[in-house]
Amino acid sequence: ESGSDLSSFPEEPLDKARASIQEDADYDAPEEKHEHFPTSVLGWIWFVLAWPYEIMFHYTVPPVNGRFKYQFFATFFISLCWLGVFTTFMVKWTEKIGCILGIEDAIMGVTFLAVGTSMPDCLTSIFVARTGRGNMAVCNALGSNIFDILLALSLPWALSTVISRSPVQVNSESLVQDVLVLTGTLSIFFISLCANRWRLNKKIGYFFYFLYVVFVTYTVVRELGLF
């Protein structure tokens, strides 16, 4: 009787479960390293420019899988340290370029600086989305913004307050408008996903691209004082 019960159990869910487990196993399995050299002029230029950084990261950032069980903690921490170093240089250089070109700090921040700091999140979301984990890509985008607002702003302000023993002055002239824009963006994002039955496709992507162009245009025009 037990054999008949097992034979009558539908095989399709089991096949899907086995396929999902095998896919996760293949995804987590270490990949073989192959040397790939560029085939175009731009590829060689990028290869030469990135070569010093690859050597530096190779000898300073330990691999995730190694002799120690929790070695990935060191990998994560050292990667954050390098990210902080390069972010500091990027902010300083962006300020200098904006000063030389006569561009307002707010415009440089909403364009070049925002793209530079958000590019790691963008690449991470693209990578996980290609593996079929769309919910992880969306959660990464939302979680990174929540982290920026609640921790990336509060921690530096707290340290500045403790060191200087004076409150941090915030320019509140455009703060209300920025908060309204952020709230409207999240509302449009949520409504778009609901209207598209919680699916991400090209239509949603093009629509979000359009909204980003509108946001950047609005910010630039506002900072230039055209309206």
Protein backbone atom coordinates (compact mmCIF):
# COMPACT_ATOMS: atom_id res chain seq x y z
CA GLU A 1 0.00 0.00 0.00
CA SER A 2 2.85 2.36 0.78
CA GLY A 3 4.41 1.57 -2.60
CA SER A 4 1.18 2.44 -4.37
CA ASP A 5 0.99 5.73 -2.45
CA LEU A 6 4.49 6.69 -3.58
CA SER A 7 3.82 5.70 -7.16
CA SER A 8 0.64 7.76 -7.21
CA PHE A 9 2.46 10.87 -5.97
CA PRO A 10 2.83 13.37 -8.84
CA GLU A 11 6.32 13.41 -10.31
CA GLU A 12 6.24 16.95 -11.69
CA PRO A 13 6.78 18.76 -8.34
CA LEU A 14 9.58 16.34 -7.50
CA ASP A 15 11.25 16.98 -10.85
CA LYS A 16 11.00 20.71 -10.31
CA ALA A 17 12.46 20.38 -6.82
CA ARG A 18 15.35 18.24 -8.09
CA ALA A 19 16.01 20.71 -10.91
CA SER A 20 16.02 23.65 -8.46
CA ILE A 21 18.43 21.85 -6.10
CA GLN A 22 20.73 20.96 -8.98
CA GLU A 23 20.63 24.53 -10.26
CA ASP A 24 21.61 25.88 -6.84
CA ALA A 25 24.40 23.31 -6.60
CA ASP A 26 25.74 24.27 -10.00
CA TYR A 27 25.46 27.95 -9.10
CA ASP A 28 27.40 27.54 -5.85
CA ALA A 29 30.03 25.27 -7.38
CA PRO A 30 33.43 26.94 -7.95
CA GLU A 31 34.05 27.87 -11.55
CA GLU A 32 37.24 27.06 -13.38
CA LYS A 33 39.45 30.06 -14.01
CA HIS A 34 40.24 30.82 -17.62
CA GLU A 35 42.40 33.60 -18.95
CA HIS A 36 40.53 35.73 -21.46
CA PHE A 37 42.35 38.45 -23.34
CA PRO A 38 40.56 41.31 -25.12
CA THR A 39 40.15 41.29 -28.87
CA SER A 40 39.54 45.00 -29.51
CA VAL A 41 41.48 48.20 -28.97
CA LEU A 42 39.05 49.49 -26.33
CA GLY A 43 39.21 46.11 -24.62
CA TRP A 44 43.01 46.28 -24.42
CA ILE A 45 42.87 49.85 -23.08
CA TRP A 46 40.46 48.78 -20.36
CA PHE A 47 42.58 45.68 -19.65
CA VAL A 48 45.74 47.79 -19.18
CA LEU A 49 43.95 50.34 -16.97
CA ALA A 50 42.35 47.66 -14.79
CA TRP A 51 45.47 45.48 -14.55
CA PRO A 52 47.07 47.32 -11.54
CA TYR A 53 43.80 47.11 -9.60
CA GLU A 54 43.43 43.41 -10.35
CA ILE A 55 46.91 42.75 -9.00
CA MET A 56 46.22 44.88 -5.92
CA PHE A 57 42.92 43.12 -5.19
CA HIS A 58 44.45 39.71 -5.88
CA TYR A 59 47.08 40.14 -3.14
CA THR A 60 44.94 42.04 -0.60
CA VAL A 61 41.46 40.49 -0.83
CA PRO A 62 41.36 36.82 0.21
CA PRO A 63 39.11 34.42 -1.71
CA VAL A 64 35.72 33.50 -0.29
CA ASN A 65 36.49 29.78 -0.19
CA GLY A 66 39.79 29.03 1.52
CA ARG A 67 41.41 27.09 4.31
CA PHE A 68 39.32 28.78 7.01
CA LYS A 69 35.62 28.23 7.48
CA TYR A 70 34.65 31.88 8.00
CA GLN A 71 37.15 33.35 5.58
CA PHE A 72 34.37 35.11 3.69
CA PHE A 73 34.04 37.58 6.59
CA ALA A 74 37.55 38.84 5.88
CA THR A 75 36.76 39.03 2.17
CA PHE A 76 33.65 41.08 2.86
CA PHE A 77 35.35 43.43 5.34
CA ILE A 78 38.42 44.10 3.15
CA SER A 79 36.17 44.67 0.14
CA LEU A 80 34.24 47.27 2.14
CA CYS A 81 37.52 48.95 3.10
CA TRP A 82 38.62 49.19 -0.53
CA LEU A 83 35.17 50.45 -1.48
CA GLY A 84 35.43 53.19 1.15
CA VAL A 85 38.89 54.21 -0.09
CA PHE A 86 37.82 54.50 -3.72
CA THR A 87 34.57 56.23 -2.77
CA THR A 88 36.55 58.87 -0.89
CA PHE A 89 38.73 59.54 -3.93
CA MET A 90 35.67 59.62 -6.20
CA VAL A 91 33.90 62.20 -4.03
CA LYS A 92 36.98 64.43 -3.83
CA TRP A 93 37.65 64.22 -7.57
CA THR A 94 34.00 64.88 -8.38
CA GLU A 95 34.06 68.02 -6.25
CA LYS A 96 37.26 69.22 -7.95
CA ILE A 97 35.89 68.55 -11.45
CA GLY A 98 32.65 70.35 -10.61
CA CYS A 99 34.61 73.30 -9.22
CA ILE A 100 36.82 73.50 -12.32
CA LEU A 101 33.86 73.26 -14.73
CA GLY A 102 31.70 75.61 -12.65
CA ILE A 103 28.98 73.01 -11.99
CA GLU A 104 26.94 73.05 -8.80
CA ASP A 105 27.66 70.35 -6.20
CA ALA A 106 24.02 69.23 -6.25
CA ILE A 107 24.17 68.61 -10.01
CA MET A 108 27.43 66.68 -9.73
CA GLY A 109 25.98 64.69 -6.84
CA VAL A 110 22.75 63.71 -8.59
CA THR A 111 24.55 62.72 -11.81
CA PHE A 112 28.17 61.56 -11.66
CA LEU A 113 28.41 60.88 -7.93
CA ALA A 114 25.06 59.07 -7.78
CA VAL A 115 25.96 56.90 -10.76
CA GLY A 116 29.40 56.10 -9.35
CA THR A 117 28.17 55.10 -5.90
CA SER A 118 25.17 53.16 -7.24
CA MET A 119 27.06 51.25 -9.94
CA PRO A 120 28.02 48.36 -7.59
CA ASP A 121 24.34 47.95 -6.63
CA CYS A 122 23.37 48.07 -10.31
CA LEU A 123 25.88 45.40 -11.31
CA THR A 124 24.84 43.21 -8.37
CA SER A 125 21.17 43.50 -9.32
CA ILE A 126 21.96 42.65 -12.96
CA PHE A 127 23.97 39.59 -11.91
CA VAL A 128 21.32 38.14 -9.60
CA ALA A 129 18.51 38.96 -12.05
CA ARG A 130 20.28 36.97 -14.78
CA THR A 131 20.35 33.96 -12.48
CA GLY A 132 16.56 34.11 -12.18
CA ARG A 133 16.44 35.77 -8.77
CA GLY A 134 14.41 38.86 -9.63
CA ASN A 135 13.08 39.28 -6.11
CA MET A 136 16.64 39.50 -4.80
CA ALA A 137 17.47 42.20 -7.36
CA VAL A 138 14.47 44.29 -6.30
CA CYS A 139 15.21 43.80 -2.60
CA ASN A 140 18.82 44.82 -3.22
CA ALA A 141 17.74 48.10 -4.82
CA LEU A 142 15.27 48.91 -2.05
CA GLY A 143 17.50 47.70 0.76
CA SER A 144 20.48 49.74 -0.41
CA ASN A 145 18.42 52.95 -0.36
CA ILE A 146 17.09 52.16 3.11
CA PHE A 147 20.66 51.48 4.25
CA ASP A 148 21.84 54.79 2.75
CA ILE A 149 19.13 56.80 4.50
CA LEU A 150 19.10 55.10 7.91
CA LEU A 151 22.78 54.20 8.36
CA ALA A 152 24.98 55.84 5.72
CA LEU A 153 23.65 59.26 6.75
CA SER A 154 23.12 58.74 10.47
CA LEU A 155 26.54 57.19 11.23
CA PRO A 156 28.67 60.02 9.72
CA TRP A 157 26.40 62.61 11.33
CA ALA A 158 26.72 60.89 14.70
CA LEU A 159 30.52 60.72 14.41
CA SER A 160 30.67 64.36 13.35
CA THR A 161 28.50 65.38 16.29
CA VAL A 162 30.62 63.43 18.77
CA ILE A 163 33.92 64.78 17.40
CA SER A 164 32.96 68.42 16.81
CA ARG A 165 30.40 68.56 19.66
CA SER A 166 28.09 70.64 17.45
CA PRO A 167 25.02 69.70 15.40
CA VAL A 168 25.28 69.09 11.67
CA GLN A 169 23.78 71.87 9.59
CA VAL A 170 21.50 70.60 6.81
CA ASN A 171 20.38 72.80 3.93
CA SER A 172 16.61 72.53 4.19
CA GLU A 173 15.71 74.71 1.19
CA SER A 174 15.20 71.79 -1.17
CA LEU A 175 14.88 69.02 1.42
CA VAL A 176 11.08 68.96 1.29
CA GLN A 177 11.12 68.71 -2.50
CA ASP A 178 13.69 65.90 -2.41
CA VAL A 179 11.63 63.93 0.12
CA LEU A 180 8.51 64.38 -2.03
CA VAL A 181 10.42 63.19 -5.11
CA LEU A 182 11.71 60.13 -3.21
CA THR A 183 8.23 59.31 -1.91
CA GLY A 184 6.74 59.72 -5.37
CA THR A 185 9.43 57.50 -6.91
CA LEU A 186 8.74 54.68 -4.45
CA SER A 187 4.99 55.04 -5.01
CA ILE A 188 5.38 54.89 -8.81
CA PHE A 189 7.69 51.89 -8.46
CA PHE A 190 5.19 50.00 -6.32
CA ILE A 191 2.21 50.89 -8.52
CA SER A 192 4.13 49.89 -11.67
CA LEU A 193 4.96 46.47 -10.25
CA CYS A 194 1.34 45.94 -9.18
CA ALA A 195 0.02 46.97 -12.59
CA ASN A 196 2.51 44.65 -14.31
CA ARG A 197 1.54 41.69 -12.08
CA TRP A 198 4.84 41.76 -10.17
CA ARG A 199 6.94 41.11 -13.23
CA LEU A 200 10.01 42.96 -14.47
CA ASN A 201 10.28 43.31 -18.24
CA LYS A 202 11.48 45.74 -20.89
CA LYS A 203 8.44 47.97 -20.56
CA ILE A 204 9.11 48.54 -16.87
CA GLY A 205 12.81 49.10 -17.60
CA TYR A 206 12.18 51.71 -20.28
CA PHE A 207 9.61 53.39 -18.07
CA PHE A 208 12.08 53.66 -15.19
CA TYR A 209 14.76 54.98 -17.56
CA PHE A 210 12.35 57.69 -18.64
CA LEU A 211 11.58 58.59 -15.03
CA TYR A 212 15.29 58.85 -14.24
CA VAL A 213 15.85 61.22 -17.16
CA VAL A 214 12.90 63.32 -15.96
CA PHE A 215 14.32 63.38 -12.42
CA VAL A 216 17.82 64.43 -13.54
CA THR A 217 16.38 67.10 -15.85
CA TYR A 218 14.19 68.45 -13.07
CA THR A 219 17.12 68.58 -10.62
CA VAL A 220 19.45 70.31 -13.07
CA VAL A 221 16.84 72.88 -14.07
CA ARG A 222 16.00 73.54 -10.41
CA GLU A 223 19.61 73.99 -9.36
CA LEU A 224 20.25 76.33 -12.28
CA GLY A 225 17.34 78.46 -11.12
CA LEU A 226 15.45 78.32 -14.40
CA PHE A 227 12.12 78.00 -12.57
